[in-house]
Amino acid sequence: MYLNGTIYEGEWKNELKHEEGLEICPNGNQYEGSYADGKPEGVGVFTWNNGEKYEGEWHNGMRHGSGTWHGLYGELFAGEWKCGKADGKGVHVGRNGTQYFFTESLSLL
């Protein structure tokens, strides 16, 4: 447990979170998945305290690669991510179920 109340259960390397772990923040946000050098790296799931969720690839602590974001009202984006934002090919499903397909770069979320 950290001084700020964050809880981490998992593996360590050189005093940094590494390999598989679970981190729960005092505000209720949590990440479960792979780490490298203290940051999410590889595949993992981040769940916000409001119920939003991202499942997919991470690089250097940011959503990066292939992944799916689930919103609060049934909306989602499944596709490519770059530097923490939806950016690339994918499908966005809106609150009303309307599907939008992207075949090139975008900055959606």
N, C-alpha and C. Protein backbone atom coordinates (compact mmCIF):
# COMPACT_ATOMS: atom_id res chain seq x y z
N MET A 1 0.85 -1.18 0.00
CA MET A 1 0.00 0.00 0.00
C MET A 1 0.90 1.25 0.00
N TYR A 2 0.54 2.21 -0.84
CA TYR A 2 1.28 3.47 -0.91
C TYR A 2 0.71 4.47 0.10
N LEU A 3 1.45 5.51 0.39
CA LEU A 3 1.00 6.53 1.33
C LEU A 3 -0.29 7.21 0.90
N ASN A 4 -0.53 7.31 -0.42
CA ASN A 4 -1.76 7.95 -0.91
C ASN A 4 -2.97 7.01 -0.88
N GLY A 5 -2.78 5.77 -0.43
CA GLY A 5 -3.88 4.82 -0.32
C GLY A 5 -3.98 3.85 -1.48
N THR A 6 -3.17 4.01 -2.51
CA THR A 6 -3.18 3.09 -3.64
C THR A 6 -2.66 1.72 -3.18
N ILE A 7 -3.33 0.68 -3.64
CA ILE A 7 -2.94 -0.69 -3.31
C ILE A 7 -2.44 -1.36 -4.58
N TYR A 8 -1.30 -2.04 -4.48
CA TYR A 8 -0.76 -2.81 -5.60
C TYR A 8 -0.44 -4.21 -5.12
N GLU A 9 -0.96 -5.19 -5.85
CA GLU A 9 -0.63 -6.59 -5.60
C GLU A 9 -0.07 -7.15 -6.89
N GLY A 10 1.17 -7.61 -6.85
CA GLY A 10 1.76 -8.16 -8.06
C GLY A 10 3.26 -8.26 -7.97
N GLU A 11 3.86 -8.40 -9.13
CA GLU A 11 5.29 -8.62 -9.22
C GLU A 11 6.06 -7.30 -9.31
N TRP A 12 7.33 -7.36 -8.89
CA TRP A 12 8.20 -6.19 -8.87
C TRP A 12 9.52 -6.54 -9.55
N LYS A 13 10.16 -5.51 -10.10
CA LYS A 13 11.52 -5.65 -10.61
C LYS A 13 12.20 -4.31 -10.40
N ASN A 14 13.32 -4.31 -9.74
CA ASN A 14 14.07 -3.08 -9.44
C ASN A 14 13.18 -2.04 -8.76
N GLU A 15 12.34 -2.50 -7.84
CA GLU A 15 11.44 -1.65 -7.05
C GLU A 15 10.35 -0.97 -7.88
N LEU A 16 10.06 -1.51 -9.06
CA LEU A 16 8.99 -1.00 -9.92
C LEU A 16 8.00 -2.11 -10.22
N LYS A 17 6.73 -1.75 -10.42
CA LYS A 17 5.72 -2.74 -10.82
C LYS A 17 6.18 -3.35 -12.13
N HIS A 18 6.09 -4.69 -12.22
CA HIS A 18 6.60 -5.37 -13.40
C HIS A 18 5.88 -6.70 -13.56
N GLU A 19 5.62 -7.08 -14.81
CA GLU A 19 4.87 -8.30 -15.15
C GLU A 19 3.40 -8.14 -14.75
N GLU A 20 2.79 -9.13 -14.12
CA GLU A 20 1.35 -9.10 -13.83
C GLU A 20 1.06 -8.45 -12.47
N GLY A 21 -0.02 -7.65 -12.43
CA GLY A 21 -0.39 -7.02 -11.17
C GLY A 21 -1.78 -6.41 -11.21
N LEU A 22 -2.22 -6.00 -10.04
CA LEU A 22 -3.50 -5.33 -9.85
C LEU A 22 -3.25 -4.09 -9.01
N GLU A 23 -3.69 -2.93 -9.53
CA GLU A 23 -3.54 -1.67 -8.81
C GLU A 23 -4.92 -1.06 -8.59
N ILE A 24 -5.22 -0.72 -7.36
CA ILE A 24 -6.50 -0.11 -7.01
C ILE A 24 -6.21 1.25 -6.37
N CYS A 25 -6.75 2.30 -6.98
CA CYS A 25 -6.54 3.66 -6.51
C CYS A 25 -7.59 4.04 -5.47
N PRO A 26 -7.29 5.00 -4.60
CA PRO A 26 -8.25 5.41 -3.56
C PRO A 26 -9.59 5.90 -4.14
N ASN A 27 -9.57 6.45 -5.35
CA ASN A 27 -10.83 6.94 -5.95
C ASN A 27 -11.65 5.83 -6.59
N GLY A 28 -11.16 4.58 -6.57
CA GLY A 28 -11.90 3.45 -7.12
C GLY A 28 -11.45 3.02 -8.50
N ASN A 29 -10.63 3.81 -9.18
CA ASN A 29 -10.09 3.37 -10.47
C ASN A 29 -9.19 2.17 -10.23
N GLN A 30 -9.15 1.25 -11.21
CA GLN A 30 -8.24 0.12 -11.06
C GLN A 30 -7.73 -0.37 -12.40
N TYR A 31 -6.52 -0.93 -12.36
CA TYR A 31 -5.88 -1.52 -13.53
C TYR A 31 -5.43 -2.92 -13.16
N GLU A 32 -5.73 -3.87 -14.05
CA GLU A 32 -5.25 -5.24 -13.87
C GLU A 32 -4.64 -5.71 -15.17
N GLY A 33 -3.38 -6.11 -15.11
CA GLY A 33 -2.72 -6.57 -16.32
C GLY A 33 -1.22 -6.53 -16.20
N SER A 34 -0.58 -6.37 -17.34
CA SER A 34 0.88 -6.40 -17.42
C SER A 34 1.48 -5.03 -17.18
N TYR A 35 2.64 -5.04 -16.56
CA TYR A 35 3.42 -3.83 -16.30
C TYR A 35 4.84 -4.04 -16.80
N ALA A 36 5.50 -2.93 -17.10
CA ALA A 36 6.94 -2.93 -17.37
C ALA A 36 7.48 -1.61 -16.83
N ASP A 37 8.50 -1.70 -16.03
CA ASP A 37 9.15 -0.51 -15.47
C ASP A 37 8.16 0.43 -14.77
N GLY A 38 7.17 -0.15 -14.08
CA GLY A 38 6.25 0.63 -13.27
C GLY A 38 5.01 1.14 -13.98
N LYS A 39 4.89 0.90 -15.31
CA LYS A 39 3.75 1.42 -16.08
C LYS A 39 3.02 0.28 -16.79
N PRO A 40 1.71 0.45 -17.04
CA PRO A 40 1.00 -0.56 -17.83
C PRO A 40 1.68 -0.75 -19.19
N GLU A 41 1.92 -2.01 -19.54
CA GLU A 41 2.61 -2.36 -20.78
C GLU A 41 2.17 -3.76 -21.19
N GLY A 42 1.70 -3.90 -22.41
CA GLY A 42 1.21 -5.21 -22.86
C GLY A 42 -0.31 -5.19 -22.88
N VAL A 43 -0.92 -6.17 -22.24
CA VAL A 43 -2.38 -6.28 -22.23
C VAL A 43 -2.91 -6.09 -20.81
N GLY A 44 -4.00 -5.31 -20.71
CA GLY A 44 -4.59 -5.08 -19.40
C GLY A 44 -5.97 -4.45 -19.50
N VAL A 45 -6.61 -4.36 -18.35
CA VAL A 45 -7.96 -3.78 -18.25
C VAL A 45 -7.92 -2.64 -17.23
N PHE A 46 -8.37 -1.45 -17.67
CA PHE A 46 -8.50 -0.31 -16.77
C PHE A 46 -9.98 -0.04 -16.59
N THR A 47 -10.42 0.03 -15.34
CA THR A 47 -11.82 0.32 -15.04
C THR A 47 -11.87 1.60 -14.22
N TRP A 48 -12.60 2.61 -14.75
CA TRP A 48 -12.77 3.86 -14.04
C TRP A 48 -13.84 3.69 -12.96
N ASN A 49 -13.78 4.53 -11.94
CA ASN A 49 -14.73 4.45 -10.84
C ASN A 49 -16.16 4.75 -11.27
N ASN A 50 -16.36 5.34 -12.45
CA ASN A 50 -17.71 5.64 -12.93
C ASN A 50 -18.28 4.50 -13.78
N GLY A 51 -17.51 3.43 -14.00
CA GLY A 51 -17.99 2.28 -14.75
C GLY A 51 -17.44 2.14 -16.15
N GLU A 52 -16.78 3.16 -16.68
CA GLU A 52 -16.15 3.02 -17.99
C GLU A 52 -15.03 2.00 -17.89
N LYS A 53 -14.73 1.36 -19.05
CA LYS A 53 -13.70 0.33 -19.03
C LYS A 53 -12.97 0.30 -20.37
N TYR A 54 -11.65 0.07 -20.30
CA TYR A 54 -10.84 -0.16 -21.49
C TYR A 54 -10.15 -1.50 -21.33
N GLU A 55 -10.29 -2.35 -22.34
CA GLU A 55 -9.64 -3.66 -22.36
C GLU A 55 -8.78 -3.73 -23.61
N GLY A 56 -7.49 -3.93 -23.44
CA GLY A 56 -6.65 -4.02 -24.62
C GLY A 56 -5.19 -3.79 -24.34
N GLU A 57 -4.51 -3.30 -25.38
CA GLU A 57 -3.07 -3.14 -25.33
C GLU A 57 -2.66 -1.79 -24.76
N TRP A 58 -1.50 -1.81 -24.09
CA TRP A 58 -0.93 -0.63 -23.45
C TRP A 58 0.53 -0.50 -23.86
N HIS A 59 0.99 0.75 -23.91
CA HIS A 59 2.41 1.00 -24.13
C HIS A 59 2.81 2.24 -23.34
N ASN A 60 3.82 2.08 -22.49
CA ASN A 60 4.34 3.19 -21.70
C ASN A 60 3.25 3.88 -20.87
N GLY A 61 2.32 3.09 -20.34
CA GLY A 61 1.27 3.62 -19.46
C GLY A 61 0.06 4.20 -20.18
N MET A 62 0.01 4.09 -21.52
CA MET A 62 -1.12 4.64 -22.28
C MET A 62 -1.78 3.57 -23.14
N ARG A 63 -3.08 3.77 -23.43
CA ARG A 63 -3.78 2.88 -24.35
C ARG A 63 -3.09 3.02 -25.69
N HIS A 64 -2.63 1.90 -26.23
CA HIS A 64 -1.86 1.96 -27.47
C HIS A 64 -1.87 0.57 -28.11
N GLY A 65 -2.38 0.47 -29.33
CA GLY A 65 -2.50 -0.81 -30.01
C GLY A 65 -3.98 -1.11 -30.23
N SER A 66 -4.36 -2.35 -30.07
CA SER A 66 -5.74 -2.77 -30.27
C SER A 66 -6.47 -2.84 -28.93
N GLY A 67 -7.69 -2.29 -28.89
CA GLY A 67 -8.43 -2.34 -27.64
C GLY A 67 -9.87 -1.87 -27.79
N THR A 68 -10.64 -2.09 -26.72
CA THR A 68 -12.05 -1.72 -26.71
C THR A 68 -12.36 -0.89 -25.47
N TRP A 69 -12.97 0.26 -25.70
CA TRP A 69 -13.45 1.13 -24.62
C TRP A 69 -14.95 0.98 -24.53
N HIS A 70 -15.46 0.74 -23.32
CA HIS A 70 -16.89 0.62 -23.06
C HIS A 70 -17.34 1.84 -22.26
N GLY A 71 -18.28 2.59 -22.79
CA GLY A 71 -18.78 3.78 -22.12
C GLY A 71 -19.88 3.47 -21.12
N LEU A 72 -20.40 4.51 -20.51
CA LEU A 72 -21.41 4.38 -19.47
C LEU A 72 -22.80 4.03 -19.99
N TYR A 73 -23.08 4.39 -21.22
CA TYR A 73 -24.44 4.27 -21.74
C TYR A 73 -24.53 3.30 -22.91
N GLY A 74 -23.67 2.29 -22.93
CA GLY A 74 -23.70 1.29 -23.97
C GLY A 74 -22.84 1.60 -25.18
N GLU A 75 -22.26 2.79 -25.24
CA GLU A 75 -21.41 3.13 -26.36
C GLU A 75 -20.06 2.45 -26.21
N LEU A 76 -19.39 2.26 -27.34
CA LEU A 76 -18.06 1.66 -27.29
C LEU A 76 -17.26 2.04 -28.53
N PHE A 77 -15.95 1.90 -28.40
CA PHE A 77 -15.06 1.99 -29.55
C PHE A 77 -14.16 0.78 -29.50
N ALA A 78 -14.15 0.01 -30.58
CA ALA A 78 -13.27 -1.15 -30.69
C ALA A 78 -12.38 -0.92 -31.90
N GLY A 79 -11.10 -0.86 -31.66
CA GLY A 79 -10.18 -0.62 -32.77
C GLY A 79 -8.81 -0.24 -32.31
N GLU A 80 -8.18 0.63 -33.08
CA GLU A 80 -6.79 1.02 -32.84
C GLU A 80 -6.70 2.24 -31.93
N TRP A 81 -5.67 2.23 -31.10
CA TRP A 81 -5.41 3.33 -30.16
C TRP A 81 -3.98 3.77 -30.32
N LYS A 82 -3.75 5.06 -30.10
CA LYS A 82 -2.38 5.59 -30.19
C LYS A 82 -2.22 6.68 -29.13
N CYS A 83 -1.22 6.54 -28.29
CA CYS A 83 -0.90 7.53 -27.26
C CYS A 83 -2.11 7.90 -26.41
N GLY A 84 -2.92 6.91 -26.06
CA GLY A 84 -4.04 7.12 -25.15
C GLY A 84 -5.36 7.50 -25.80
N LYS A 85 -5.39 7.65 -27.13
CA LYS A 85 -6.62 8.07 -27.81
C LYS A 85 -6.97 7.10 -28.93
N ALA A 86 -8.29 6.97 -29.18
CA ALA A 86 -8.74 6.19 -30.33
C ALA A 86 -8.17 6.84 -31.57
N ASP A 87 -7.45 6.07 -32.37
CA ASP A 87 -6.78 6.66 -33.53
C ASP A 87 -6.46 5.56 -34.53
N GLY A 88 -7.32 5.40 -35.51
CA GLY A 88 -7.08 4.38 -36.52
C GLY A 88 -8.34 3.66 -36.89
N LYS A 89 -8.19 2.49 -37.45
CA LYS A 89 -9.33 1.69 -37.89
C LYS A 89 -10.10 1.18 -36.68
N GLY A 90 -11.43 1.16 -36.83
CA GLY A 90 -12.25 0.62 -35.76
C GLY A 90 -13.71 0.90 -35.98
N VAL A 91 -14.49 0.52 -34.99
CA VAL A 91 -15.93 0.77 -35.03
C VAL A 91 -16.33 1.47 -33.75
N HIS A 92 -17.14 2.50 -33.92
CA HIS A 92 -17.70 3.22 -32.77
C HIS A 92 -19.19 2.96 -32.76
N VAL A 93 -19.70 2.49 -31.63
CA VAL A 93 -21.14 2.27 -31.47
C VAL A 93 -21.64 3.34 -30.52
N GLY A 94 -22.59 4.13 -30.98
CA GLY A 94 -23.14 5.21 -30.18
C GLY A 94 -24.19 4.72 -29.18
N ARG A 95 -24.67 5.64 -28.36
CA ARG A 95 -25.67 5.32 -27.34
C ARG A 95 -26.93 4.69 -27.92
N ASN A 96 -27.29 5.13 -29.12
CA ASN A 96 -28.51 4.63 -29.75
C ASN A 96 -28.27 3.37 -30.58
N GLY A 97 -27.06 2.83 -30.54
CA GLY A 97 -26.73 1.61 -31.27
C GLY A 97 -26.22 1.84 -32.68
N THR A 98 -26.18 3.09 -33.14
CA THR A 98 -25.67 3.40 -34.47
C THR A 98 -24.19 3.07 -34.54
N GLN A 99 -23.80 2.38 -35.61
CA GLN A 99 -22.41 1.99 -35.79
C GLN A 99 -21.73 2.88 -36.82
N TYR A 100 -20.53 3.31 -36.49
CA TYR A 100 -19.71 4.10 -37.40
C TYR A 100 -18.41 3.34 -37.59
N PHE A 101 -18.03 3.11 -38.84
CA PHE A 101 -16.81 2.38 -39.14
C PHE A 101 -15.75 3.35 -39.63
N PHE A 102 -14.54 3.20 -39.10
CA PHE A 102 -13.43 4.06 -39.48
C PHE A 102 -12.38 3.21 -40.17
N THR A 103 -11.92 3.66 -41.31
CA THR A 103 -10.91 2.92 -42.06
C THR A 103 -9.58 3.67 -42.15
N GLU A 104 -9.51 4.81 -41.48
CA GLU A 104 -8.27 5.59 -41.46
C GLU A 104 -8.15 6.30 -40.13
N SER A 105 -7.08 7.02 -39.96
CA SER A 105 -6.78 7.69 -38.70
C SER A 105 -7.89 8.63 -38.26
N LEU A 106 -8.13 8.65 -36.95
CA LEU A 106 -9.09 9.55 -36.33
C LEU A 106 -8.63 9.86 -34.92
N SER A 107 -9.16 10.87 -34.34
CA SER A 107 -8.97 11.15 -32.91
C SER A 107 -10.35 11.32 -32.32
N LEU A 108 -10.86 10.24 -31.74
CA LEU A 108 -12.25 10.19 -31.30
C LEU A 108 -12.40 10.46 -29.81
N LEU A 109 -11.64 9.78 -29.00
CA LEU A 109 -11.82 9.87 -27.54
C LEU A 109 -10.65 10.54 -26.89
